[in-house]
Amino acid sequence: MADAIVAEGLVKRYGNVTALDGIDLTVREGTVTALLGPNGAGKTTTVRILTTLLTPDEGTAEVVGLDVVTDARALRARIGASGQYAAVDEYLTGFENLEMVGRLYHLGAKRARERARELLAQFDLVDAGDRPVKGYSGGMRRRLDLAGALVADPEVLFLDEPTTGLDPRARLALWDVIEELVARGTTLLLTTQYMEEAERLADQVAVIDHGTVIARGTTDDLKQLVGGERIELTVGESADLSVVREAAAAVAAGEVVVEETVHRVTIPVSGGADDLVRLLGRLSEQGIPVADVGLRKPTLDEVFLTLTGHEAEQAEEETA
C-alpha cells in the first residue's frame, strides 16, 4: 500500500503569525486520517496547502505523487474537497449544482448530467434534487456539498470539519455516508474538533496544536499516552471520599481526581479489573458503600488535555 499524501516540514506564516510550524504528515492509500485539534491549530491551513489553495512558505507536500505547488493543475483533477461551510448555489437546484461541477471538470454535458443523478441517488437527495437548494436543511446542504466533491470520482478526498453546525441526527447520517465512501477505497483526510468523530471514522489520528503535530497514532495508541484504564467510583456520602482516596493510593498509577460535588473519584490504574477488585475489597473491609463503579479507557478529550494543557473545545479563530 503506497502513501497517498506525504507532507514534510510545512510552514505557513501570515505576517508575525505562524499558522503552521513544520507539519509532517503521511496518509496511506485507502485509509482515513483525522487531523484533530481546536480552531486555530492549523488544520484548515494544512488542508488548503494540500489542496493547492495555498502555497507553503517552507516544506514540501505530494498528493497521489504530485507536488502541490509545481503539479497543482494536474493534482486538482484527482482530488475532491469539502470545506467547513457548504459551497453550493442556493438559487440552483441540487441537480443543477452537481451538473455545473461536472461541467467545470470537463466531463461533458451528458456525463455531467448522469453523474449528477448518480450522486443524488447515492446521497439520498433524489426527491429534493429538482428543488432550489435554499429550501434544503443544513444536513441536506452538507450532503450535497460532499456529493459535489465526488463528481470527478477523486482518488483522495479532503473534508474540513464536515459536520460543523449539524445537529446530532444529521451528523450521524453524514458519518454513515463517509463510511460508505471509505469502504469503496477512497483515501480520506478529515479535519475535526469532535473527539467522537475521530474515534468513529479514523484509522489514524494526528493531534495538532499551535501549528505542530504533537502526537499521532491510532486512537488506542493515543490513549496509551495518558496511561491505561480508569476506575470511576461514586459514593453516597462526601465524608467517605477521604477513605476512598486513601484506599485508591494502593492501586493508583497516576493522579487521583476527587469531584466532591458529585461524590466521584477517578483513579488511573495499570492493572485493569484486578485493581478494581482490590479497591472494592478494601472499601468493603472499611464498610464504605459504593453507589456506582466502572472501569473505562481514557477518552480522546483526556488525551488532548494531557498533551496540550487545554480542552479541545477552547479555540481561537484560525488565520486564513
C-alpha atoms as a PDB file:
ATOM      1  CA  MET A   1       0.000   0.000   0.000  1.00  0.00           C
ATOM      2  CA  ALA A   2       1.507   3.307  -1.110  1.00  0.00           C
ATOM      3  CA  ASP A   3       1.298   6.725   0.511  1.00  0.00           C
ATOM      4  CA  ALA A   4      -1.454   8.936  -0.904  1.00  0.00           C
ATOM      5  CA  ILE A   5      -0.320  12.043   0.995  1.00  0.00           C
ATOM      6  CA  VAL A   6       3.191  12.937   2.137  1.00  0.00           C
ATOM      7  CA  ALA A   7       3.951  16.309   3.735  1.00  0.00           C
ATOM      8  CA  GLU A   8       7.297  17.272   5.221  1.00  0.00           C
ATOM      9  CA  GLY A   9       8.142  20.384   7.202  1.00  0.00           C
ATOM     10  CA  LEU A  10       5.183  22.511   6.092  1.00  0.00           C
ATOM     11  CA  VAL A  11       5.439  26.090   7.336  1.00  0.00           C
ATOM     12  CA  LYS A  12       2.957  28.885   6.668  1.00  0.00           C
ATOM     13  CA  ARG A  13       3.180  32.400   8.085  1.00  0.00           C
ATOM     14  CA  TYR A  14       0.812  35.366   7.970  1.00  0.00           C
ATOM     15  CA  GLY A  15       2.891  38.352   8.990  1.00  0.00           C
ATOM     16  CA  ASN A  16       4.047  37.693  12.551  1.00  0.00           C
ATOM     17  CA  VAL A  17       1.654  34.764  12.973  1.00  0.00           C
ATOM     18  CA  THR A  18       2.946  31.258  12.256  1.00  0.00           C
ATOM     19  CA  ALA A  19      -0.076  29.161  11.269  1.00  0.00           C
ATOM     20  CA  LEU A  20       1.979  26.028  10.504  1.00  0.00           C
ATOM     21  CA  ASP A  21       5.282  25.350  12.214  1.00  0.00           C
ATOM     22  CA  GLY A  22       6.787  22.321  10.489  1.00  0.00           C
ATOM     23  CA  ILE A  23       3.914  19.898   9.843  1.00  0.00           C
ATOM     24  CA  ASP A  24       4.889  16.325   8.884  1.00  0.00           C
ATOM     25  CA  LEU A  25       2.084  14.050   7.719  1.00  0.00           C
ATOM     26  CA  THR A  26       1.678  10.721   5.918  1.00  0.00           C
ATOM     27  CA  VAL A  27      -1.613   9.150   4.812  1.00  0.00           C
ATOM     28  CA  ARG A  28      -1.714   5.650   3.322  1.00  0.00           C
ATOM     29  CA  GLU A  29      -3.922   4.842   0.333  1.00  0.00           C
ATOM     30  CA  GLY A  30      -7.429   3.681   1.224  1.00  0.00           C
ATOM     31  CA  THR A  31      -7.263   4.879   4.834  1.00  0.00           C
ATOM     32  CA  VAL A  32      -8.761   7.690   6.897  1.00  0.00           C
ATOM     33  CA  THR A  33      -6.546  10.107   8.815  1.00  0.00           C
ATOM     34  CA  ALA A  34      -8.073  12.698  11.123  1.00  0.00           C
ATOM     35  CA  LEU A  35      -6.358  15.978  11.955  1.00  0.00           C
ATOM     36  CA  LEU A  36      -7.642  16.618  15.454  1.00  0.00           C
ATOM     37  CA  GLY A  37      -7.400  19.951  17.200  1.00  0.00           C
ATOM     38  CA  PRO A  38      -9.226  23.172  18.056  1.00  0.00           C
ATOM     39  CA  ASN A  39      -9.901  26.009  15.645  1.00  0.00           C
ATOM     40  CA  GLY A  40      -6.663  27.906  15.247  1.00  0.00           C
ATOM     41  CA  ALA A  41      -4.483  24.800  15.481  1.00  0.00           C
ATOM     42  CA  GLY A  42      -3.577  24.811  11.783  1.00  0.00           C
ATOM     43  CA  LYS A  43      -5.917  22.136  10.421  1.00  0.00           C
ATOM     44  CA  THR A  44      -7.588  24.255   7.739  1.00  0.00           C
ATOM     45  CA  THR A  45      -4.291  25.788   6.640  1.00  0.00           C
ATOM     46  CA  THR A  46      -2.862  22.289   6.187  1.00  0.00           C
ATOM     47  CA  VAL A  47      -5.814  21.237   4.035  1.00  0.00           C
ATOM     48  CA  ARG A  48      -5.611  24.385   1.932  1.00  0.00           C
ATOM     49  CA  ILE A  49      -1.967  23.692   1.163  1.00  0.00           C
ATOM     50  CA  LEU A  50      -2.637  20.040   0.309  1.00  0.00           C
ATOM     51  CA  THR A  51      -5.497  21.037  -1.996  1.00  0.00           C
ATOM     52  CA  THR A  52      -3.325  23.656  -3.802  1.00  0.00           C
ATOM     53  CA  LEU A  53      -5.273  26.647  -2.455  1.00  0.00           C
ATOM     54  CA  LEU A  54      -2.270  27.955  -0.505  1.00  0.00           C
ATOM     55  CA  THR A  55       1.470  27.829  -1.138  1.00  0.00           C
ATOM     56  CA  PRO A  56       3.662  26.832   1.827  1.00  0.00           C
ATOM     57  CA  ASP A  57       6.473  29.163   2.888  1.00  0.00           C
ATOM     58  CA  GLU A  58       8.660  26.159   3.661  1.00  0.00           C
ATOM     59  CA  GLY A  59       8.471  22.404   3.242  1.00  0.00           C
ATOM     60  CA  THR A  60       7.088  20.113   0.573  1.00  0.00           C
ATOM     61  CA  ALA A  61       3.947  18.062   0.017  1.00  0.00           C
ATOM     62  CA  GLU A  62       2.801  15.487  -2.509  1.00  0.00           C
ATOM     63  CA  VAL A  63      -0.676  14.060  -3.052  1.00  0.00           C
ATOM     64  CA  VAL A  64      -1.005  10.954  -5.266  1.00  0.00           C
ATOM     65  CA  GLY A  65       2.624  11.523  -6.206  1.00  0.00           C
ATOM     66  CA  LEU A  66       2.062  15.088  -7.467  1.00  0.00           C
ATOM     67  CA  ASP A  67       3.715  18.134  -5.907  1.00  0.00           C
ATOM     68  CA  VAL A  68       1.097  20.526  -4.531  1.00  0.00           C
ATOM     69  CA  VAL A  69       2.954  23.537  -5.941  1.00  0.00           C
ATOM     70  CA  THR A  70       4.601  22.508  -9.198  1.00  0.00           C
ATOM     71  CA  ASP A  71       1.900  19.991 -10.229  1.00  0.00           C
ATOM     72  CA  ALA A  72      -1.074  21.920  -8.859  1.00  0.00           C
ATOM     73  CA  ARG A  73      -3.156  21.938 -12.040  1.00  0.00           C
ATOM     74  CA  ALA A  74      -2.842  18.186 -12.629  1.00  0.00           C
ATOM     75  CA  LEU A  75      -3.497  17.464  -8.966  1.00  0.00           C
ATOM     76  CA  ARG A  76      -6.798  19.350  -8.847  1.00  0.00           C
ATOM     77  CA  ALA A  77      -8.315  16.898 -11.321  1.00  0.00           C
ATOM     78  CA  ARG A  78      -7.554  13.972  -8.999  1.00  0.00           C
ATOM     79  CA  ILE A  79      -8.751  15.225  -5.614  1.00  0.00           C
ATOM     80  CA  GLY A  80     -12.003  16.364  -4.053  1.00  0.00           C
ATOM     81  CA  ALA A  81     -12.554  18.793  -1.202  1.00  0.00           C
ATOM     82  CA  SER A  82     -15.401  19.935   1.027  1.00  0.00           C
ATOM     83  CA  GLY A  83     -14.940  22.893   3.353  1.00  0.00           C
ATOM     84  CA  GLN A  84     -16.430  23.867   6.690  1.00  0.00           C
ATOM     85  CA  TYR A  85     -19.404  25.523   5.016  1.00  0.00           C
ATOM     86  CA  ALA A  86     -21.413  24.050   2.164  1.00  0.00           C
ATOM     87  CA  ALA A  87     -20.209  25.665  -1.064  1.00  0.00           C
ATOM     88  CA  VAL A  88     -23.449  25.384  -3.022  1.00  0.00           C
ATOM     89  CA  ASP A  89     -25.516  27.876  -5.008  1.00  0.00           C
ATOM     90  CA  GLU A  90     -28.811  28.116  -3.165  1.00  0.00           C
ATOM     91  CA  TYR A  91     -30.641  29.532  -6.192  1.00  0.00           C
ATOM     92  CA  LEU A  92     -29.872  26.442  -8.280  1.00  0.00           C
ATOM     93  CA  THR A  93     -31.433  23.030  -7.710  1.00  0.00           C
ATOM     94  CA  GLY A  94     -29.377  20.199  -6.245  1.00  0.00           C
ATOM     95  CA  PHE A  95     -29.161  18.622  -9.704  1.00  0.00           C
ATOM     96  CA  GLU A  96     -28.035  21.887 -11.299  1.00  0.00           C
ATOM     97  CA  ASN A  97     -25.327  22.348  -8.677  1.00  0.00           C
ATOM     98  CA  LEU A  98     -23.863  18.921  -9.354  1.00  0.00           C
ATOM     99  CA  GLU A  99     -24.215  19.220 -13.123  1.00  0.00           C
ATOM    100  CA  MET A 100     -22.349  22.545 -13.008  1.00  0.00           C
ATOM    101  CA  VAL A 101     -19.474  20.961 -11.086  1.00  0.00           C
ATOM    102  CA  GLY A 102     -19.342  18.169 -13.670  1.00  0.00           C
ATOM    103  CA  ARG A 103     -19.063  20.681 -16.483  1.00  0.00           C
ATOM    104  CA  LEU A 104     -16.278  22.502 -14.624  1.00  0.00           C
ATOM    105  CA  TYR A 105     -14.436  19.185 -14.500  1.00  0.00           C
ATOM    106  CA  HIS A 106     -14.945  18.889 -18.288  1.00  0.00           C
ATOM    107  CA  LEU A 107     -16.991  15.694 -18.013  1.00  0.00           C
ATOM    108  CA  GLY A 108     -19.135  16.732 -20.988  1.00  0.00           C
ATOM    109  CA  ALA A 109     -22.834  17.619 -20.895  1.00  0.00           C
ATOM    110  CA  LYS A 110     -24.198  14.066 -20.997  1.00  0.00           C
ATOM    111  CA  ARG A 111     -21.793  12.606 -18.428  1.00  0.00           C
ATOM    112  CA  ALA A 112     -22.228  15.630 -16.130  1.00  0.00           C
ATOM    113  CA  ARG A 113     -25.994  15.031 -16.063  1.00  0.00           C
ATOM    114  CA  GLU A 114     -25.542  11.300 -15.497  1.00  0.00           C
ATOM    115  CA  ARG A 115     -23.061  11.860 -12.691  1.00  0.00           C
ATOM    116  CA  ALA A 116     -25.361  14.388 -11.020  1.00  0.00           C
ATOM    117  CA  ARG A 117     -28.231  11.866 -10.951  1.00  0.00           C
ATOM    118  CA  GLU A 118     -25.925   9.116  -9.665  1.00  0.00           C
ATOM    119  CA  LEU A 119     -24.763  11.284  -6.762  1.00  0.00           C
ATOM    120  CA  LEU A 120     -28.265  12.473  -5.885  1.00  0.00           C
ATOM    121  CA  ALA A 121     -29.228   8.820  -5.511  1.00  0.00           C
ATOM    122  CA  GLN A 122     -26.078   7.947  -3.555  1.00  0.00           C
ATOM    123  CA  PHE A 123     -26.669  10.768  -1.063  1.00  0.00           C
ATOM    124  CA  ASP A 124     -30.428  10.203  -0.705  1.00  0.00           C
ATOM    125  CA  LEU A 125     -31.287  13.513  -2.374  1.00  0.00           C
ATOM    126  CA  VAL A 126     -33.349  12.265  -5.331  1.00  0.00           C
ATOM    127  CA  ASP A 127     -36.639  13.689  -4.027  1.00  0.00           C
ATOM    128  CA  ALA A 128     -35.007  17.072  -3.402  1.00  0.00           C
ATOM    129  CA  GLY A 129     -32.800  17.073  -6.489  1.00  0.00           C
ATOM    130  CA  ASP A 130     -35.040  19.326  -8.593  1.00  0.00           C
ATOM    131  CA  ARG A 131     -35.778  21.817  -5.806  1.00  0.00           C
ATOM    132  CA  PRO A 132     -33.765  25.024  -5.166  1.00  0.00           C
ATOM    133  CA  VAL A 133     -31.089  24.462  -2.544  1.00  0.00           C
ATOM    134  CA  LYS A 134     -32.233  27.435  -0.458  1.00  0.00           C
ATOM    135  CA  GLY A 135     -35.034  25.179   0.810  1.00  0.00           C
ATOM    136  CA  TYR A 136     -32.624  22.447   1.954  1.00  0.00           C
ATOM    137  CA  SER A 137     -31.859  21.727   5.598  1.00  0.00           C
ATOM    138  CA  GLY A 138     -28.299  22.084   6.895  1.00  0.00           C
ATOM    139  CA  GLY A 139     -27.730  18.343   6.703  1.00  0.00           C
ATOM    140  CA  MET A 140     -29.003  18.199   3.113  1.00  0.00           C
ATOM    141  CA  ARG A 141     -26.686  21.043   2.107  1.00  0.00           C
ATOM    142  CA  ARG A 142     -23.717  19.267   3.640  1.00  0.00           C
ATOM    143  CA  ARG A 143     -24.582  16.059   1.768  1.00  0.00           C
ATOM    144  CA  LEU A 144     -24.913  17.997  -1.483  1.00  0.00           C
ATOM    145  CA  ASP A 145     -21.569  19.704  -0.886  1.00  0.00           C
ATOM    146  CA  LEU A 146     -19.926  16.343  -0.242  1.00  0.00           C
ATOM    147  CA  ALA A 147     -21.544  14.982  -3.401  1.00  0.00           C
ATOM    148  CA  GLY A 148     -20.036  17.897  -5.300  1.00  0.00           C
ATOM    149  CA  ALA A 149     -16.588  16.944  -4.037  1.00  0.00           C
ATOM    150  CA  LEU A 150     -17.089  13.481  -5.538  1.00  0.00           C
ATOM    151  CA  VAL A 151     -18.272  14.443  -9.023  1.00  0.00           C
ATOM    152  CA  ALA A 152     -14.900  13.635 -10.612  1.00  0.00           C
ATOM    153  CA  ASP A 153     -14.533  10.399  -8.599  1.00  0.00           C
ATOM    154  CA  PRO A 154     -11.391  11.659  -6.800  1.00  0.00           C
ATOM    155  CA  GLU A 155      -8.651   9.373  -5.522  1.00  0.00           C
ATOM    156  CA  VAL A 156      -8.206  11.465  -2.383  1.00  0.00           C
ATOM    157  CA  LEU A 157     -10.921  13.375  -0.541  1.00  0.00           C
ATOM    158  CA  PHE A 158     -10.328  16.254   1.886  1.00  0.00           C
ATOM    159  CA  LEU A 159     -13.098  17.068   4.366  1.00  0.00           C
ATOM    160  CA  ASP A 160     -12.561  20.149   6.525  1.00  0.00           C
ATOM    161  CA  GLU A 161     -14.815  19.813   9.596  1.00  0.00           C
ATOM    162  CA  PRO A 162     -17.648  18.291   7.536  1.00  0.00           C
ATOM    163  CA  THR A 163     -20.189  18.078  10.368  1.00  0.00           C
ATOM    164  CA  THR A 164     -19.680  21.517  11.929  1.00  0.00           C
ATOM    165  CA  GLY A 165     -23.044  23.089  12.710  1.00  0.00           C
ATOM    166  CA  LEU A 166     -25.087  19.931  12.165  1.00  0.00           C
ATOM    167  CA  ASP A 167     -27.495  18.547  14.738  1.00  0.00           C
ATOM    168  CA  PRO A 168     -26.653  15.090  16.168  1.00  0.00           C
ATOM    169  CA  ARG A 169     -29.004  13.232  13.827  1.00  0.00           C
ATOM    170  CA  ALA A 170     -27.612  14.909  10.694  1.00  0.00           C
ATOM    171  CA  ARG A 171     -24.067  14.316  11.941  1.00  0.00           C
ATOM    172  CA  LEU A 172     -24.695  10.592  12.348  1.00  0.00           C
ATOM    173  CA  ALA A 173     -26.225  10.407   8.868  1.00  0.00           C
ATOM    174  CA  LEU A 174     -23.205  12.116   7.308  1.00  0.00           C
ATOM    175  CA  TRP A 175     -20.850   9.771   9.166  1.00  0.00           C
ATOM    176  CA  ASP A 176     -22.690   6.854   7.536  1.00  0.00           C
ATOM    177  CA  VAL A 177     -22.144   8.399   4.096  1.00  0.00           C
ATOM    178  CA  ILE A 178     -18.446   8.978   4.781  1.00  0.00           C
ATOM    179  CA  GLU A 179     -18.000   5.390   5.957  1.00  0.00           C
ATOM    180  CA  GLU A 180     -19.580   4.119   2.719  1.00  0.00           C
ATOM    181  CA  LEU A 181     -17.102   6.179   0.679  1.00  0.00           C
ATOM    182  CA  VAL A 182     -14.145   4.806   2.611  1.00  0.00           C
ATOM    183  CA  ALA A 183     -15.422   1.246   2.223  1.00  0.00           C
ATOM    184  CA  ARG A 184     -15.180   1.755  -1.550  1.00  0.00           C
ATOM    185  CA  GLY A 185     -11.477   2.600  -1.270  1.00  0.00           C
ATOM    186  CA  THR A 186     -11.423   6.394  -1.104  1.00  0.00           C
ATOM    187  CA  THR A 187      -8.466   7.889   0.767  1.00  0.00           C
ATOM    188  CA  LEU A 188      -9.693  10.497   3.234  1.00  0.00           C
ATOM    189  CA  LEU A 189      -8.060  13.307   5.182  1.00  0.00           C
ATOM    190  CA  LEU A 190     -10.543  14.653   7.698  1.00  0.00           C
ATOM    191  CA  THR A 191     -10.181  17.647   9.990  1.00  0.00           C
ATOM    192  CA  THR A 192     -12.292  17.802  13.110  1.00  0.00           C
ATOM    193  CA  GLN A 193     -12.531  19.127  16.621  1.00  0.00           C
ATOM    194  CA  TYR A 194     -15.080  16.472  17.575  1.00  0.00           C
ATOM    195  CA  MET A 195     -13.437  13.651  19.502  1.00  0.00           C
ATOM    196  CA  GLU A 196     -16.216  11.164  18.723  1.00  0.00           C
ATOM    197  CA  GLU A 197     -15.849  11.912  15.010  1.00  0.00           C
ATOM    198  CA  ALA A 198     -12.161  10.973  15.043  1.00  0.00           C
ATOM    199  CA  GLU A 199     -12.934   7.882  17.112  1.00  0.00           C
ATOM    200  CA  ARG A 200     -15.655   6.710  14.740  1.00  0.00           C
ATOM    201  CA  LEU A 201     -14.066   7.412  11.360  1.00  0.00           C
ATOM    202  CA  ALA A 202     -10.279   7.498  11.553  1.00  0.00           C
ATOM    203  CA  ASP A 203      -7.699   4.744  11.125  1.00  0.00           C
ATOM    204  CA  GLN A 204      -5.014   7.187  12.262  1.00  0.00           C
ATOM    205  CA  VAL A 205      -5.174  10.457  14.201  1.00  0.00           C
ATOM    206  CA  ALA A 206      -2.709  13.342  14.150  1.00  0.00           C
ATOM    207  CA  VAL A 207      -3.175  15.775  17.041  1.00  0.00           C
ATOM    208  CA  ILE A 208      -2.321  19.350  16.027  1.00  0.00           C
ATOM    209  CA  ASP A 209      -1.774  22.268  18.372  1.00  0.00           C
ATOM    210  CA  HIS A 210      -0.265  25.659  17.508  1.00  0.00           C
ATOM    211  CA  GLY A 211       0.685  24.560  14.010  1.00  0.00           C
ATOM    212  CA  THR A 212       2.574  21.424  15.024  1.00  0.00           C
ATOM    213  CA  VAL A 213       1.727  17.723  15.116  1.00  0.00           C
ATOM    214  CA  ILE A 214       2.209  16.861  18.782  1.00  0.00           C
ATOM    215  CA  ALA A 215       1.106  13.203  18.632  1.00  0.00           C
ATOM    216  CA  ARG A 216      -0.027  10.626  16.087  1.00  0.00           C
ATOM    217  CA  GLY A 217      -1.261   7.040  16.003  1.00  0.00           C
ATOM    218  CA  THR A 218      -4.480   5.074  16.341  1.00  0.00           C
ATOM    219  CA  THR A 219      -6.981   6.228  18.931  1.00  0.00           C
ATOM    220  CA  ASP A 220      -5.853   3.364  21.166  1.00  0.00           C
ATOM    221  CA  ASP A 221      -2.207   4.390  20.698  1.00  0.00           C
ATOM    222  CA  LEU A 222      -3.017   7.930  21.782  1.00  0.00           C
ATOM    223  CA  LYS A 223      -4.980   6.778  24.789  1.00  0.00           C
ATOM    224  CA  GLN A 224      -1.946   4.824  25.961  1.00  0.00           C
ATOM    225  CA  LEU A 225      -0.060   8.129  26.160  1.00  0.00           C
ATOM    226  CA  VAL A 226      -2.109   9.088  29.224  1.00  0.00           C
ATOM    227  CA  GLY A 227      -1.918   5.681  30.857  1.00  0.00           C
ATOM    228  CA  GLY A 228      -4.191   2.693  30.936  1.00  0.00           C
ATOM    229  CA  GLU A 229      -7.730   2.443  32.214  1.00  0.00           C
ATOM    230  CA  ARG A 230      -9.618   4.493  34.793  1.00  0.00           C
ATOM    231  CA  ILE A 231     -11.742   3.379  37.706  1.00  0.00           C
ATOM    232  CA  GLU A 232     -14.673   5.755  38.204  1.00  0.00           C
ATOM    233  CA  LEU A 233     -16.292   5.293  41.582  1.00  0.00           C
ATOM    234  CA  THR A 234     -19.151   7.170  43.238  1.00  0.00           C
ATOM    235  CA  VAL A 235     -20.067   7.041  46.926  1.00  0.00           C
ATOM    236  CA  GLY A 236     -23.200   8.267  48.666  1.00  0.00           C
ATOM    237  CA  GLU A 237     -21.594  10.499  51.303  1.00  0.00           C
ATOM    238  CA  SER A 238     -18.926  13.174  50.868  1.00  0.00           C
ATOM    239  CA  ALA A 239     -17.416  12.057  54.179  1.00  0.00           C
ATOM    240  CA  ASP A 240     -16.452   8.750  52.533  1.00  0.00           C
ATOM    241  CA  LEU A 241     -14.313  10.452  49.876  1.00  0.00           C
ATOM    242  CA  SER A 242     -11.235  10.720  52.092  1.00  0.00           C
ATOM    243  CA  VAL A 243     -11.385   6.972  52.823  1.00  0.00           C
ATOM    244  CA  VAL A 244     -11.739   6.210  49.110  1.00  0.00           C
ATOM    245  CA  ARG A 245      -8.764   8.434  48.328  1.00  0.00           C
ATOM    246  CA  GLU A 246      -6.591   6.568  50.842  1.00  0.00           C
ATOM    247  CA  ALA A 247      -7.696   3.174  49.527  1.00  0.00           C
ATOM    248  CA  ALA A 248      -7.149   4.311  45.941  1.00  0.00           C
ATOM    249  CA  ALA A 249      -3.491   5.111  46.655  1.00  0.00           C
ATOM    250  CA  ALA A 250      -2.728   1.362  46.749  1.00  0.00           C
ATOM    251  CA  VAL A 251      -3.825   0.846  43.119  1.00  0.00           C
ATOM    252  CA  ALA A 252      -3.424   4.274  41.501  1.00  0.00           C
ATOM    253  CA  ALA A 253      -0.987   4.579  38.592  1.00  0.00           C
ATOM    254  CA  GLY A 254      -1.298   8.363  38.481  1.00  0.00           C
ATOM    255  CA  GLU A 255      -3.123  11.329  39.979  1.00  0.00           C
ATOM    256  CA  VAL A 256      -6.397  10.514  41.766  1.00  0.00           C
ATOM    257  CA  VAL A 257      -9.116  13.051  40.925  1.00  0.00           C
ATOM    258  CA  VAL A 258     -11.831  13.730  43.513  1.00  0.00           C
ATOM    259  CA  GLU A 259     -15.013  15.564  42.498  1.00  0.00           C
ATOM    260  CA  GLU A 260     -16.577  16.447  45.819  1.00  0.00           C
ATOM    261  CA  THR A 261     -19.818  17.927  44.470  1.00  0.00           C
ATOM    262  CA  VAL A 262     -20.836  14.650  42.825  1.00  0.00           C
ATOM    263  CA  HIS A 263     -19.032  12.325  45.288  1.00  0.00           C
ATOM    264  CA  ARG A 264     -16.975  10.807  42.462  1.00  0.00           C
ATOM    265  CA  VAL A 265     -13.369   9.599  42.398  1.00  0.00           C
ATOM    266  CA  THR A 266     -11.408   8.823  39.216  1.00  0.00           C
ATOM    267  CA  ILE A 267      -8.346   6.589  39.596  1.00  0.00           C
ATOM    268  CA  PRO A 268      -5.907   5.798  36.764  1.00  0.00           C
ATOM    269  CA  VAL A 269      -4.807   2.155  37.023  1.00  0.00           C
ATOM    270  CA  SER A 270      -2.481  -0.180  35.157  1.00  0.00           C
ATOM    271  CA  GLY A 271      -3.955  -3.477  36.354  1.00  0.00           C
ATOM    272  CA  GLY A 272      -7.468  -3.065  34.989  1.00  0.00           C
ATOM    273  CA  ALA A 273     -10.063  -5.403  36.519  1.00  0.00           C
ATOM    274  CA  ASP A 274      -7.581  -6.779  39.092  1.00  0.00           C
ATOM    275  CA  ASP A 275      -7.081  -3.279  40.522  1.00  0.00           C
ATOM    276  CA  LEU A 276     -10.844  -2.731  40.557  1.00  0.00           C
ATOM    277  CA  VAL A 277     -11.367  -5.919  42.599  1.00  0.00           C
ATOM    278  CA  ARG A 278      -8.593  -4.927  45.029  1.00  0.00           C
ATOM    279  CA  LEU A 279     -10.053  -1.472  45.551  1.00  0.00           C
ATOM    280  CA  LEU A 280     -13.596  -2.724  46.110  1.00  0.00           C
ATOM    281  CA  GLY A 281     -12.248  -5.273  48.577  1.00  0.00           C
ATOM    282  CA  ARG A 282     -10.523  -2.559  50.599  1.00  0.00           C
ATOM    283  CA  LEU A 283     -13.631  -0.397  50.647  1.00  0.00           C
ATOM    284  CA  SER A 284     -15.790  -3.333  51.684  1.00  0.00           C
ATOM    285  CA  GLU A 285     -13.461  -4.067  54.582  1.00  0.00           C
ATOM    286  CA  GLN A 286     -13.915  -0.488  55.785  1.00  0.00           C
ATOM    287  CA  GLY A 287     -17.673  -0.527  55.361  1.00  0.00           C
ATOM    288  CA  ILE A 288     -17.795   2.095  52.591  1.00  0.00           C
ATOM    289  CA  PRO A 289     -20.904   1.623  50.407  1.00  0.00           C
ATOM    290  CA  VAL A 290     -20.328   2.215  46.695  1.00  0.00           C
ATOM    291  CA  ALA A 291     -23.186   3.802  44.738  1.00  0.00           C
ATOM    292  CA  ASP A 292     -21.665   3.268  41.289  1.00  0.00           C
ATOM    293  CA  VAL A 293     -18.407   1.974  39.851  1.00  0.00           C
ATOM    294  CA  GLY A 294     -16.981   1.333  36.409  1.00  0.00           C
ATOM    295  CA  LEU A 295     -13.764   0.647  34.530  1.00  0.00           C
ATOM    296  CA  ARG A 296     -13.146   2.560  31.302  1.00  0.00           C
ATOM    297  CA  LYS A 297     -10.422   3.632  28.908  1.00  0.00           C
ATOM    298  CA  PRO A 298      -9.299   7.280  28.801  1.00  0.00           C
ATOM    299  CA  THR A 299     -11.154   9.443  26.300  1.00  0.00           C
ATOM    300  CA  LEU A 300      -9.604  11.412  23.458  1.00  0.00           C
ATOM    301  CA  ASP A 301     -10.657  14.532  25.360  1.00  0.00           C
ATOM    302  CA  GLU A 302      -8.394  13.442  28.215  1.00  0.00           C
ATOM    303  CA  VAL A 303      -5.602  12.715  25.739  1.00  0.00           C
ATOM    304  CA  PHE A 304      -5.901  16.189  24.261  1.00  0.00           C
ATOM    305  CA  LEU A 305      -5.991  17.828  27.679  1.00  0.00           C
ATOM    306  CA  THR A 306      -2.902  15.908  28.769  1.00  0.00           C
ATOM    307  CA  LEU A 307      -0.966  16.706  25.589  1.00  0.00           C
ATOM    308  CA  THR A 308      -1.875  20.379  25.255  1.00  0.00           C
ATOM    309  CA  GLY A 309      -2.894  21.553  28.708  1.00  0.00           C
ATOM    310  CA  HIS A 310      -6.278  22.803  27.474  1.00  0.00           C
ATOM    311  CA  GLU A 311      -9.608  21.425  26.317  1.00  0.00           C
ATOM    312  CA  ALA A 312     -10.092  20.663  22.644  1.00  0.00           C
ATOM    313  CA  GLU A 313     -13.132  22.937  22.547  1.00  0.00           C
ATOM    314  CA  GLN A 314     -11.143  26.008  23.534  1.00  0.00           C
ATOM    315  CA  ALA A 315     -10.448  27.824  20.327  1.00  0.00           C
ATOM    316  CA  GLU A 316      -9.218  30.924  18.623  1.00  0.00           C
ATOM    317  CA  GLU A 317     -10.232  31.641  15.053  1.00  0.00           C
ATOM    318  CA  GLU A 318      -7.796  30.157  12.602  1.00  0.00           C
ATOM    319  CA  THR A 319      -5.938  32.579  10.424  1.00  0.00           C
ATOM    320  CA  ALA A 320      -6.959  32.116   6.775  1.00  0.00           C
END
